[in-house]
Amino acid sequence: MGSRVFLLAVLWLAASAWSPAQIALSNSSGTETYKLQGEVVNSITGEGIPYVLVTVSSENKQALLTGTDGHFEFAGLRAGRVTVTASKPGFFEDGEQKISNTNKPGRIFVSDRSNGRYAMKGLGVSIEIGPDTVPVTFKLMPEGIITGHIEDSGGEPIERAFIRVEAIVISDGRKLWTQMAGITSREDGTFRIANLHPGRYYVSVHSLTRGRTLEDVNAANPVGYPLSVYYPAAPDRASAAPIDIAAGQRVEIQFALKLQPVFKVSGNVSGQSNVQSVNIRLLSSTGEDLGLPGRFYPADGRFEIQGVPAGNYRLEARGDNRGELPLHVSGTLNGVHVVLRPKTSIPVIIRNEATRAPEMKLENFGPHHGIPISLMAHRSDLEHDFTSTGLEQHSDDGPPALNVEPGKYAVDLSVLYGGVYVQSARYGDIDLLREELIVQPAAPRPIEVVLRDDGANLQIKIAGAERNATSSVVVVPEAAPNQLKVAHVGGDGEGGFVMGFINGLAPGDYKVFAFDSIETMEFRNPEVLKQYNAKAAQVSLTSGMTSNVSVELIHTSQ
């Protein structure tokens, strides 16, 4: 149904945008016009794709559908630069689009996987229309599809089970587990999940809706389905089998869920000022929400969760504050007590060791002028908790603070002031430039940050960069590899080189990498960067000085 609606809509758009009257008007104006031809092909088979919506955006947008052979032709186009796009449900853009008979691809718009999601930007290529315009070829990649069936041990289909598809995505150089798709099974237990890019996926099923029978009502020992089953029949993702999807591939899988004893967990919540609003959740040991609802009674702070199979969990209660505790279930549990605690507020004391003129001193960045550093803490001890927390300024006369829950965090530090760097950052005995921040519920110590303004500068020459391309430079200090710097360098690429400049680096030894793309690279993982060490450049930086380094471009997007 969705595809038919799409085709009707684009047919109307194409008809309204591509009419003889408009062509005649263009020609009658006396302005010379030109044609643009091209084709849209399947990137896997090379065959033309019919009925693809192709648009040209210039002064006036024009649109049409490709023919049965995948070809298209626009006429009546005036000279100038236009953006041409191609799209069709069930297909994605396949990397860089090509203009025939030239090595100048123009300005390319590609898929964006930031923030843990696959989101399509404006598919297309920028083209100069004129007497020398050459044909354009779009390559679209067909979607992957997972289909399947869910049944119980007796072969009866399970309806309204939730099927979740997870994958690893890269966000700012960090690996994150993210739900890519989710759907419920139909009445006959079948499901279909489409719109999947090539990649490795983990599929799990969560069945909480089971019709109660007369036997269930009268049973002294109730039974239910497992809260989470990973394909093919694993209790968690660590022991699951991944499903690798190629472009255009269709994979069929089956689940069989067995009934097992389930129990009730009950107790009370304390530490909540507003007892009307407390959310009770049962999580896996890695922080995954298992979707089993808990019931909270505001009158006396009690809660209960029905239908919990045996296993190890984390119980979370969240209101104005939050509390959690590990939970081992092997039978009915009563008297569980969860205490809600406020976040730990860690003051951040920033001290400078300025060496330049008074106007450059960091006192100019006092409370009335903003915080001179960026400090981001990323939860690192839980797979399903993507919390990132920055500094907050609560008063004009007090230091900024980092407000976080107890746990382990990776810390990124940078200075919002040219030529200045972080000389040291400590939380008690923890060196935050090299170690993770560990927050305990006890009274916090302050984070102490020392800044200096005699930073070094680095001028980078990248060999092998393409014309009009953007390269990503990763600069890794050997003394504090967790505090690497990233710069995106653009240029005309004349002679196969582009130049970049980074200031405010701490003195010391560095490794410098240059990549054509880091969008899908876990570059904050030292083991990932290690495989490129042979092509890294080594450089030593001195306070207040500018050093030059040449580095070879590393191709990761091929």
Protein backbone atom coordinates (compact mmCIF):
# COMPACT_ATOMS: atom_id res chain seq x y z
CA MET A 1 0.00 0.00 0.00
CA GLY A 2 2.81 2.43 0.91
CA SER A 3 4.58 1.93 -2.45
CA ARG A 4 1.34 2.53 -4.40
CA VAL A 5 0.70 5.77 -2.53
CA PHE A 6 4.29 6.85 -3.19
CA LEU A 7 3.96 6.15 -6.94
CA LEU A 8 0.66 8.05 -7.22
CA ALA A 9 2.17 11.02 -5.43
CA VAL A 10 5.30 11.19 -7.53
CA LEU A 11 3.33 10.67 -10.77
CA TRP A 12 1.26 13.73 -9.88
CA LEU A 13 4.41 15.66 -8.99
CA ALA A 14 6.15 14.61 -12.18
CA ALA A 15 3.12 15.49 -14.30
CA SER A 16 2.78 18.92 -12.71
CA ALA A 17 6.50 19.70 -12.89
CA TRP A 18 7.13 18.25 -16.38
CA SER A 19 4.56 19.68 -18.76
CA PRO A 20 4.78 20.77 -22.43
CA ALA A 21 3.53 24.23 -21.45
CA GLN A 22 6.54 24.75 -19.18
CA ILE A 23 8.98 23.58 -21.87
CA ALA A 24 7.45 25.89 -24.43
CA LEU A 25 7.64 28.83 -22.00
CA SER A 26 11.31 28.15 -21.39
CA ASN A 27 12.07 27.99 -25.11
CA SER A 28 9.94 31.04 -25.97
CA SER A 29 11.89 33.26 -23.60
CA GLY A 30 14.85 33.34 -25.92
CA THR A 31 17.17 31.83 -23.30
CA GLU A 32 19.14 28.82 -24.54
CA THR A 33 18.29 25.60 -22.71
CA TYR A 34 19.90 22.19 -22.41
CA LYS A 35 19.11 18.55 -21.72
CA LEU A 36 20.26 16.34 -18.88
CA GLN A 37 20.28 12.59 -19.39
CA GLY A 38 21.13 9.77 -17.05
CA GLU A 39 20.21 6.44 -15.59
CA VAL A 40 19.51 4.84 -12.21
CA VAL A 41 20.90 1.35 -11.73
CA ASN A 42 20.89 -1.37 -9.09
CA SER A 43 24.34 -1.26 -7.47
CA ILE A 44 24.37 -5.05 -7.08
CA THR A 45 23.03 -6.27 -10.44
CA GLY A 46 23.86 -3.26 -12.61
CA GLU A 47 20.35 -3.35 -14.07
CA GLY A 48 18.30 -0.22 -14.59
CA ILE A 49 15.67 0.50 -11.92
CA PRO A 50 12.24 1.54 -13.25
CA TYR A 51 9.96 4.17 -11.71
CA VAL A 52 12.59 5.96 -9.64
CA LEU A 53 11.70 9.53 -8.72
CA VAL A 54 14.39 11.84 -10.14
CA THR A 55 14.31 15.55 -9.34
CA VAL A 56 16.29 18.54 -10.55
CA SER A 57 16.45 21.48 -8.14
CA SER A 58 17.41 24.85 -9.59
CA GLU A 59 15.20 27.92 -10.07
CA ASN A 60 12.22 25.60 -10.45
CA LYS A 61 12.07 22.00 -9.31
CA GLN A 62 11.32 19.41 -11.99
CA ALA A 63 10.60 15.75 -11.38
CA LEU A 64 9.97 12.61 -13.39
CA LEU A 65 10.04 8.83 -13.11
CA THR A 66 12.65 6.69 -14.82
CA GLY A 67 11.51 4.46 -17.64
CA THR A 68 11.40 0.69 -17.52
CA ASP A 69 15.12 0.61 -18.39
CA GLY A 70 16.07 3.08 -15.62
CA HIS A 71 16.86 5.97 -17.98
CA PHE A 72 15.65 9.56 -17.63
CA GLU A 73 15.96 12.82 -19.54
CA PHE A 74 15.22 16.42 -18.54
CA ALA A 75 14.88 19.13 -21.19
CA GLY A 76 14.54 22.89 -21.02
CA LEU A 77 17.19 23.36 -18.34
CA ARG A 78 18.96 26.71 -18.20
CA ALA A 79 22.71 26.94 -17.76
CA GLY A 80 23.91 26.85 -14.16
CA ARG A 81 24.43 24.53 -11.24
CA VAL A 82 21.61 22.17 -10.24
CA THR A 83 21.22 19.36 -7.71
CA VAL A 84 19.89 16.09 -9.06
CA THR A 85 18.43 13.49 -6.69
CA ALA A 86 17.06 9.97 -7.13
CA SER A 87 14.96 7.99 -4.65
CA LYS A 88 12.67 4.98 -4.49
CA PRO A 89 11.22 3.03 -1.55
CA GLY A 90 13.25 -0.10 -0.90
CA PHE A 91 16.54 1.42 -2.08
CA PHE A 92 19.38 3.42 -0.54
CA GLU A 93 22.09 5.54 -2.06
CA ASP A 94 25.21 3.49 -2.67
CA GLY A 95 28.08 5.81 -1.81
CA GLU A 96 29.47 8.32 -4.28
CA GLN A 97 27.44 8.96 -7.44
CA LYS A 98 29.34 9.31 -10.69
CA ILE A 99 29.13 11.67 -13.63
CA SER A 100 30.08 9.84 -16.81
CA ASN A 101 33.35 10.63 -18.64
CA THR A 102 34.83 12.77 -15.88
CA ASN A 103 36.77 12.36 -12.66
CA LYS A 104 35.02 15.30 -11.00
CA PRO A 105 32.14 13.87 -8.98
CA GLY A 106 30.97 17.28 -7.77
CA ARG A 107 29.44 17.84 -4.36
CA ILE A 108 28.20 14.54 -2.94
CA PHE A 109 25.48 14.02 -0.34
CA VAL A 110 25.66 10.67 1.40
CA SER A 111 23.80 8.71 4.03
CA ASP A 112 24.28 9.89 7.62
CA ARG A 113 24.64 7.32 10.42
CA SER A 114 25.21 9.81 13.23
CA ASN A 115 23.41 9.60 16.60
CA GLY A 116 23.06 5.86 16.23
CA ARG A 117 20.52 6.09 13.36
CA TYR A 118 20.55 5.58 9.62
CA ALA A 119 19.05 8.79 8.21
CA MET A 120 19.02 9.70 4.54
CA LYS A 121 20.29 13.13 3.62
CA GLY A 122 19.39 14.75 0.28
CA LEU A 123 20.47 12.01 -2.11
CA GLY A 124 22.09 13.64 -5.06
CA VAL A 125 24.89 15.20 -6.99
CA SER A 126 25.61 18.79 -7.96
CA ILE A 127 25.99 19.28 -11.72
CA GLU A 128 26.87 22.22 -13.95
CA ILE A 129 24.29 22.44 -16.75
CA GLY A 130 25.56 23.72 -20.08
CA PRO A 131 26.70 22.67 -23.54
CA ASP A 132 29.25 20.22 -22.08
CA THR A 133 26.92 18.52 -19.60
CA VAL A 134 27.54 14.77 -19.49
CA PRO A 135 25.14 12.00 -18.36
CA VAL A 136 24.83 11.17 -14.68
CA THR A 137 24.51 7.66 -13.22
CA PHE A 138 22.88 6.99 -9.88
CA LYS A 139 23.58 3.70 -8.10
CA LEU A 140 20.91 2.66 -5.62
CA MET A 141 21.38 -0.23 -3.25
CA PRO A 142 18.43 -2.57 -2.57
CA GLU A 143 17.26 -2.98 1.01
CA GLY A 144 17.79 -6.08 3.13
CA ILE A 145 14.80 -7.87 4.65
CA ILE A 146 14.36 -10.23 7.60
CA THR A 147 11.20 -12.32 7.74
CA GLY A 148 10.22 -14.95 10.25
CA HIS A 149 7.72 -16.78 12.37
CA ILE A 150 7.22 -17.10 16.14
CA GLU A 151 5.49 -20.04 17.77
CA ASP A 152 5.28 -21.80 21.11
CA SER A 153 6.64 -25.26 21.91
CA GLY A 154 3.38 -26.77 20.70
CA GLY A 155 3.62 -25.14 17.29
CA GLU A 156 0.93 -22.53 17.94
CA PRO A 157 1.69 -19.04 16.54
CA ILE A 158 2.40 -16.24 19.01
CA GLU A 159 0.66 -12.96 18.21
CA ARG A 160 1.80 -9.45 19.23
CA ALA A 161 5.29 -10.50 20.26
CA PHE A 162 7.76 -7.66 19.85
CA ILE A 163 10.72 -8.36 17.53
CA ARG A 164 13.73 -6.09 17.99
CA VAL A 165 16.66 -5.70 15.58
CA GLU A 166 19.88 -4.30 17.06
CA ALA A 167 23.19 -3.37 15.51
CA ILE A 168 26.41 -1.62 16.41
CA VAL A 169 26.60 1.95 15.19
CA ILE A 170 29.45 4.40 15.58
CA SER A 171 28.83 7.81 17.12
CA ASP A 172 31.78 10.16 17.52
CA GLY A 173 34.20 7.24 17.38
CA ARG A 174 32.39 5.16 19.99
CA LYS A 175 30.60 1.86 19.51
CA LEU A 176 26.96 1.92 20.57
CA TRP A 177 24.32 -0.80 20.54
CA THR A 178 21.22 0.66 18.96
CA GLN A 179 17.77 -0.61 18.08
CA MET A 180 17.52 -0.33 14.31
CA ALA A 181 13.99 -1.67 13.87
CA GLY A 182 11.10 -3.08 15.88
CA ILE A 183 7.80 -4.66 14.92
CA THR A 184 5.11 -6.91 16.42
CA SER A 185 4.18 -10.31 15.08
CA ARG A 186 0.92 -10.78 13.19
CA GLU A 187 -1.97 -13.03 14.17
CA ASP A 188 -0.32 -16.00 12.47
CA GLY A 189 3.00 -15.32 14.24
CA THR A 190 4.78 -13.98 11.16
CA PHE A 191 6.78 -10.77 10.87
CA ARG A 192 8.66 -8.81 8.21
CA ILE A 193 11.38 -6.22 8.86
CA ALA A 194 12.56 -4.25 5.84
CA ASN A 195 14.68 -1.16 5.15
CA LEU A 196 17.90 -2.76 6.42
CA HIS A 197 21.33 -1.64 5.24
CA PRO A 198 24.05 -4.25 4.69
CA GLY A 199 25.53 -5.18 8.05
CA ARG A 200 25.47 -7.47 11.05
CA TYR A 201 22.32 -7.59 13.15
CA TYR A 202 21.08 -9.30 16.31
CA VAL A 203 17.40 -10.18 16.48
CA SER A 204 15.46 -10.79 19.69
CA VAL A 205 11.83 -11.49 20.51
CA HIS A 206 9.94 -10.25 23.57
CA SER A 207 6.55 -11.81 24.26
CA LEU A 208 4.63 -10.37 27.19
CA THR A 209 1.08 -10.74 25.88
CA ARG A 210 -0.13 -14.27 26.43
CA GLY A 211 -3.81 -15.07 26.63
CA ARG A 212 -4.65 -16.58 30.01
CA THR A 213 -6.38 -19.96 29.95
CA LEU A 214 -8.58 -21.57 32.57
CA GLU A 215 -5.58 -23.61 33.63
CA ASP A 216 -3.59 -20.39 34.17
CA VAL A 217 -6.26 -18.87 36.37
CA ASN A 218 -6.45 -21.93 38.60
CA ALA A 219 -2.72 -22.71 38.58
CA ALA A 220 -0.82 -22.35 41.83
CA ASN A 221 2.44 -21.96 39.89
CA PRO A 222 1.93 -19.60 36.91
CA VAL A 223 3.98 -19.91 33.74
CA GLY A 224 4.96 -17.49 30.99
CA TYR A 225 7.35 -16.92 28.11
CA PRO A 226 10.95 -15.74 28.58
CA LEU A 227 11.26 -11.95 28.68
CA SER A 228 13.89 -11.92 25.95
CA VAL A 229 15.11 -14.58 23.50
CA TYR A 230 17.87 -13.82 21.01
CA TYR A 231 18.11 -15.70 17.74
CA PRO A 232 18.25 -18.64 17.52
CA ALA A 233 17.43 -19.52 21.16
CA ALA A 234 19.87 -17.57 23.35
CA PRO A 235 19.06 -15.83 26.66
CA ASP A 236 21.25 -12.82 25.87
CA ARG A 237 23.10 -11.11 23.04
CA ALA A 238 26.50 -12.42 24.13
CA SER A 239 25.48 -16.00 23.27
CA ALA A 240 23.29 -15.11 20.27
CA ALA A 241 24.03 -15.83 16.62
CA PRO A 242 24.40 -12.69 14.47
CA ILE A 243 22.57 -12.34 11.17
CA ASP A 244 24.65 -10.86 8.34
CA ILE A 245 22.60 -9.04 5.73
CA ALA A 246 23.95 -8.26 2.27
CA ALA A 247 22.44 -5.66 -0.05
CA GLY A 248 19.13 -6.94 -1.37
CA GLN A 249 19.30 -10.12 0.70
CA ARG A 250 16.21 -11.67 2.28
CA VAL A 251 16.77 -13.84 5.39
CA GLU A 252 14.14 -16.00 7.06
CA ILE A 253 14.37 -16.99 10.74
CA GLN A 254 12.22 -18.90 13.24
CA PHE A 255 11.64 -18.59 16.99
CA ALA A 256 10.13 -21.22 19.30
CA LEU A 257 9.34 -19.97 22.82
CA LYS A 258 8.94 -22.37 25.73
CA LEU A 259 6.75 -21.73 28.74
CA GLN A 260 8.51 -21.60 32.10
CA PRO A 261 7.66 -20.73 35.71
CA VAL A 262 7.27 -17.01 36.44
CA PHE A 263 7.22 -15.19 39.77
CA LYS A 264 6.16 -11.96 41.43
CA VAL A 265 8.62 -9.34 42.67
CA SER A 266 7.30 -6.79 45.15
CA GLY A 267 8.60 -4.23 47.64
CA ASN A 268 8.66 -0.51 48.32
CA VAL A 269 10.36 2.70 47.18
CA SER A 270 11.73 5.41 49.45
CA GLY A 271 13.49 8.73 48.90
CA GLN A 272 10.87 10.16 46.53
CA SER A 273 9.46 13.62 47.23
CA ASN A 274 6.63 13.24 44.72
CA VAL A 275 5.21 9.79 45.46
CA GLN A 276 2.63 10.17 42.70
CA SER A 277 5.15 9.51 39.94
CA VAL A 278 7.61 6.62 40.11
CA ASN A 279 8.41 4.45 37.11
CA ILE A 280 9.44 0.86 37.88
CA ARG A 281 11.47 -0.98 35.23
CA LEU A 282 13.08 -4.39 35.05
CA LEU A 283 16.37 -4.29 33.14
CA SER A 284 18.78 -6.95 31.96
CA SER A 285 22.21 -7.11 33.59
CA THR A 286 23.56 -4.91 30.74
CA GLY A 287 20.83 -2.28 31.09
CA GLU A 288 18.39 -3.41 28.38
CA ASP A 289 14.75 -2.53 29.11
CA LEU A 290 12.89 -5.84 29.12
CA GLY A 291 9.51 -4.19 28.65
CA LEU A 292 7.85 -5.84 31.63
CA PRO A 293 5.67 -3.18 33.30
CA GLY A 294 5.75 -2.68 37.05
CA ARG A 295 2.86 -1.31 39.09
CA PHE A 296 3.46 1.43 41.65
CA TYR A 297 1.06 2.33 44.49
CA PRO A 298 1.60 6.00 45.46
CA ALA A 299 -0.46 5.76 48.63
CA ASP A 300 2.20 3.75 50.48
CA GLY A 301 5.13 3.53 48.01
CA ARG A 302 4.66 -0.16 47.23
CA PHE A 303 5.38 -1.75 43.84
CA GLU A 304 4.98 -5.16 42.24
CA ILE A 305 6.01 -6.82 38.98
CA GLN A 306 4.20 -9.94 37.80
CA GLY A 307 5.48 -12.65 35.45
CA VAL A 308 9.23 -12.51 36.08
CA PRO A 309 11.14 -15.65 34.98
CA ALA A 310 14.14 -16.85 36.97
CA GLY A 311 17.33 -14.95 36.21
CA ASN A 312 19.59 -12.02 37.05
CA TYR A 313 18.25 -8.50 36.54
CA ARG A 314 18.58 -4.86 37.52
CA LEU A 315 15.58 -3.21 39.12
CA GLU A 316 15.26 0.51 38.41
CA ALA A 317 12.94 3.04 40.04
CA ARG A 318 12.88 6.53 38.54
CA GLY A 319 11.04 9.61 39.73
CA ASP A 320 12.46 12.97 40.77
CA ASN A 321 15.52 10.91 41.65
CA ARG A 322 16.63 7.43 40.64
CA GLY A 323 17.56 4.20 42.35
CA GLU A 324 18.55 0.74 41.21
CA LEU A 325 19.75 -2.55 42.64
CA PRO A 326 20.79 -5.97 41.31
CA LEU A 327 18.09 -8.62 41.50
CA HIS A 328 18.41 -12.41 41.46
CA VAL A 329 15.07 -14.12 40.89
CA SER A 330 14.66 -17.83 41.59
CA GLY A 331 11.20 -17.64 43.17
CA THR A 332 8.73 -15.10 44.53
CA LEU A 333 10.51 -12.06 46.01
CA ASN A 334 8.87 -9.87 48.66
CA GLY A 335 10.21 -6.95 50.65
CA VAL A 336 12.55 -5.56 47.96
CA HIS A 337 13.57 -2.03 48.98
CA VAL A 338 14.71 0.55 46.41
CA VAL A 339 16.12 3.89 47.61
CA LEU A 340 15.94 6.83 45.21
CA ARG A 341 19.02 9.01 45.42
CA PRO A 342 19.81 12.35 43.76
CA LYS A 343 22.60 12.59 41.21
CA THR A 344 26.09 13.18 42.52
CA SER A 345 27.11 16.80 41.94
CA ILE A 346 30.87 17.04 41.37
CA PRO A 347 32.25 20.60 41.43
CA VAL A 348 34.83 21.36 38.75
CA ILE A 349 37.61 23.70 39.84
CA ILE A 350 39.36 25.30 36.86
CA ARG A 351 42.76 26.89 37.41
CA ASN A 352 44.95 28.53 34.80
CA GLU A 353 48.67 29.00 34.46
CA ALA A 354 48.60 31.89 31.97
CA THR A 355 51.95 32.98 30.54
CA ARG A 356 50.79 35.64 28.05
CA ALA A 357 49.51 39.21 28.30
CA PRO A 358 46.74 39.89 30.86
CA GLU A 359 44.06 40.15 28.17
CA MET A 360 44.73 36.51 27.27
CA LYS A 361 44.28 35.26 30.81
CA LEU A 362 41.49 32.83 31.48
CA GLU A 363 39.92 34.99 34.18
CA ASN A 364 38.15 36.68 31.27
CA PHE A 365 36.12 33.48 31.06
CA GLY A 366 34.69 33.87 34.55
CA PRO A 367 31.13 32.87 35.52
CA HIS A 368 29.66 35.84 33.66
CA HIS A 369 31.40 34.90 30.41
CA GLY A 370 30.74 31.15 30.32
CA ILE A 371 32.74 28.03 31.13
CA PRO A 372 36.12 27.92 29.33
CA ILE A 373 36.20 24.14 28.90
CA SER A 374 34.03 21.39 27.51
CA LEU A 375 33.88 18.33 29.75
CA MET A 376 31.66 15.49 28.55
CA ALA A 377 31.19 12.31 30.58
CA HIS A 378 29.96 9.23 28.66
CA ARG A 379 28.58 6.24 30.59
CA SER A 380 30.90 3.34 29.75
CA ASP A 381 29.95 0.50 32.10
CA LEU A 382 26.51 -0.29 30.63
CA GLU A 383 25.91 -1.34 27.03
CA HIS A 384 22.39 0.09 26.86
CA ASP A 385 23.00 3.38 28.68
CA PHE A 386 24.15 6.06 26.23
CA THR A 387 24.18 8.88 28.81
CA SER A 388 26.38 11.85 27.96
CA THR A 389 26.58 14.63 30.53
CA GLY A 390 28.24 18.04 30.36
CA LEU A 391 29.04 20.78 32.84
CA GLU A 392 26.31 22.93 34.36
CA GLN A 393 26.63 26.39 35.88
CA HIS A 394 24.14 26.75 38.74
CA SER A 395 25.23 30.09 40.19
CA ASP A 396 27.29 33.12 39.20
CA ASP A 397 29.67 32.81 42.13
CA GLY A 398 30.16 29.04 42.27
CA PRO A 399 32.14 26.63 40.13
CA PRO A 400 30.47 24.60 37.35
CA ALA A 401 29.45 21.07 38.27
CA LEU A 402 29.14 17.65 36.66
CA ASN A 403 25.87 16.02 37.78
CA VAL A 404 25.98 12.26 37.23
CA GLU A 405 24.70 9.03 38.68
CA PRO A 406 27.14 6.57 40.28
CA GLY A 407 28.98 4.56 37.64
CA LYS A 408 31.95 4.58 35.29
CA TYR A 409 32.46 7.26 32.65
CA ALA A 410 34.80 8.05 29.77
CA VAL A 411 35.71 11.74 29.90
CA ASP A 412 36.40 14.03 26.92
CA LEU A 413 38.10 17.33 27.74
CA SER A 414 38.72 20.30 25.46
CA VAL A 415 39.24 24.05 25.84
CA LEU A 416 36.95 26.63 24.25
CA TYR A 417 39.76 29.16 23.89
CA GLY A 418 42.35 29.29 21.10
CA GLY A 419 45.89 28.29 21.98
CA VAL A 420 44.93 26.91 25.40
CA TYR A 421 45.15 23.26 26.45
CA VAL A 422 44.39 21.07 29.46
CA GLN A 423 47.62 20.42 31.30
CA SER A 424 46.04 18.16 33.94
CA ALA A 425 42.65 16.94 35.15
CA ARG A 426 42.29 14.91 38.33
CA TYR A 427 39.50 13.45 40.42
CA GLY A 428 41.28 12.51 43.61
CA ASP A 429 43.74 9.78 42.61
CA ILE A 430 42.20 9.37 39.12
CA ASP A 431 44.06 11.02 36.23
CA LEU A 432 41.17 11.88 33.89
CA LEU A 433 43.50 12.43 30.92
CA ARG A 434 44.38 8.73 31.01
CA GLU A 435 41.74 6.95 33.13
CA GLU A 436 37.98 6.68 33.37
CA LEU A 437 35.98 8.59 35.97
CA ILE A 438 34.53 6.33 38.67
CA VAL A 439 31.70 7.94 40.64
CA GLN A 440 30.65 6.49 43.99
CA PRO A 441 27.51 7.42 45.99
CA ALA A 442 29.71 8.86 48.76
CA ALA A 443 30.41 12.58 49.11
CA PRO A 444 32.26 13.63 45.95
CA ARG A 445 35.64 15.26 45.67
CA PRO A 446 36.08 18.09 43.16
CA ILE A 447 37.49 17.59 39.70
CA GLU A 448 40.56 19.84 39.41
CA VAL A 449 41.50 21.06 35.93
CA VAL A 450 44.65 23.05 35.15
CA LEU A 451 44.86 25.02 31.86
CA ARG A 452 47.88 26.55 30.14
CA ASP A 453 48.01 29.05 27.29
CA ASP A 454 51.42 28.16 25.79
CA GLY A 455 50.02 25.45 23.52
CA ALA A 456 51.78 24.13 20.44
CA ASN A 457 50.51 24.33 16.87
CA LEU A 458 50.48 21.65 14.19
CA GLN A 459 50.38 22.22 10.45
CA ILE A 460 49.39 19.08 8.57
CA LYS A 461 50.01 18.20 4.92
CA ILE A 462 47.88 15.30 3.68
CA ALA A 463 49.12 13.38 0.65
CA GLY A 464 46.67 11.57 -1.61
CA ALA A 465 43.61 13.71 -0.86
CA GLU A 466 41.11 14.14 -3.68
CA ARG A 467 40.03 17.44 -5.11
CA ASN A 468 37.13 19.04 -3.19
CA ALA A 469 37.27 16.23 -0.63
CA THR A 470 37.22 16.54 3.15
CA SER A 471 39.72 14.50 5.15
CA SER A 472 39.52 13.67 8.85
CA VAL A 473 42.68 14.07 10.91
CA VAL A 474 43.00 12.22 14.22
CA VAL A 475 45.80 13.50 16.48
CA VAL A 476 46.63 11.18 19.38
CA PRO A 477 48.85 12.33 22.27
CA GLU A 478 51.00 9.40 23.37
CA ALA A 479 50.92 10.59 26.99
CA ALA A 480 47.10 10.77 27.07
CA PRO A 481 45.65 8.69 24.20
CA ASN A 482 42.08 9.05 25.50
CA GLN A 483 42.21 12.80 24.80
CA LEU A 484 42.70 12.63 21.05
CA LYS A 485 41.72 15.53 18.80
CA VAL A 486 39.79 15.37 15.53
CA ALA A 487 39.90 17.95 12.76
CA HIS A 488 38.12 17.90 9.41
CA VAL A 489 40.36 19.33 6.70
CA GLY A 490 39.02 20.54 3.35
CA GLY A 491 40.83 21.98 0.38
CA ASP A 492 41.16 21.97 -3.36
CA GLY A 493 43.58 19.04 -3.30
CA GLU A 494 45.89 20.64 -5.85
CA GLY A 495 48.78 18.31 -6.59
CA GLY A 496 47.18 15.60 -4.43
CA PHE A 497 47.70 17.54 -1.17
CA VAL A 498 45.51 19.42 1.30
CA MET A 499 46.66 21.46 4.28
CA GLY A 500 45.25 21.59 7.78
CA PHE A 501 46.10 23.50 10.95
CA ILE A 502 45.39 22.67 14.63
CA ASN A 503 46.36 24.96 17.51
CA GLY A 504 46.29 24.68 21.28
CA LEU A 505 47.86 21.23 21.60
CA ALA A 506 49.71 20.16 24.71
CA PRO A 507 53.48 19.82 24.22
CA GLY A 508 54.60 16.24 23.74
CA ASP A 509 54.74 13.36 21.26
CA TYR A 510 51.85 12.58 18.94
CA LYS A 511 50.68 10.13 16.30
CA VAL A 512 48.83 11.74 13.39
CA PHE A 513 46.38 9.83 11.19
CA ALA A 514 44.52 11.13 8.13
CA PHE A 515 41.43 9.29 6.90
CA ASP A 516 39.12 9.86 3.98
CA SER A 517 36.24 9.03 6.35
CA ILE A 518 35.82 8.20 10.04
CA GLU A 519 32.02 8.17 9.98
CA THR A 520 31.81 4.44 10.67
CA MET A 521 35.17 4.01 12.44
CA GLU A 522 35.55 3.36 16.17
CA PHE A 523 38.54 5.70 16.22
CA ARG A 524 38.39 6.23 20.00
CA ASN A 525 39.28 2.57 20.48
CA PRO A 526 43.11 2.25 20.62
CA GLU A 527 42.94 -1.29 19.21
CA VAL A 528 41.14 -0.01 16.11
CA LEU A 529 43.68 2.76 15.50
CA LYS A 530 46.57 0.37 16.06
CA GLN A 531 45.94 -1.38 12.74
CA TYR A 532 46.75 1.90 10.94
CA ASN A 533 49.98 2.65 12.84
CA ALA A 534 52.14 1.91 9.80
CA LYS A 535 50.65 4.91 7.99
CA ALA A 536 50.64 7.28 10.97
CA ALA A 537 53.09 10.17 11.20
CA GLN A 538 55.10 10.85 14.37
CA VAL A 539 55.66 14.39 15.59
CA SER A 540 56.99 16.09 18.73
CA LEU A 541 55.44 19.42 19.70
CA THR A 542 57.08 22.23 21.70
CA SER A 543 55.33 24.95 23.72
CA GLY A 544 54.44 28.00 21.65
CA MET A 545 55.96 26.56 18.47
CA THR A 546 54.44 25.44 15.16
CA SER A 547 55.49 22.04 13.83
CA ASN A 548 54.91 20.62 10.37
CA VAL A 549 53.99 17.03 9.55
CA SER A 550 53.19 15.16 6.34
CA VAL A 551 50.86 12.19 6.50
CA GLU A 552 49.49 9.76 3.94
CA LEU A 553 45.73 9.59 3.45
CA ILE A 554 44.23 6.31 4.66
CA HIS A 555 41.24 5.08 2.67
CA THR A 556 38.53 3.50 4.80
CA SER A 557 35.42 4.15 2.70
CA GLN A 558 36.31 1.86 -0.21
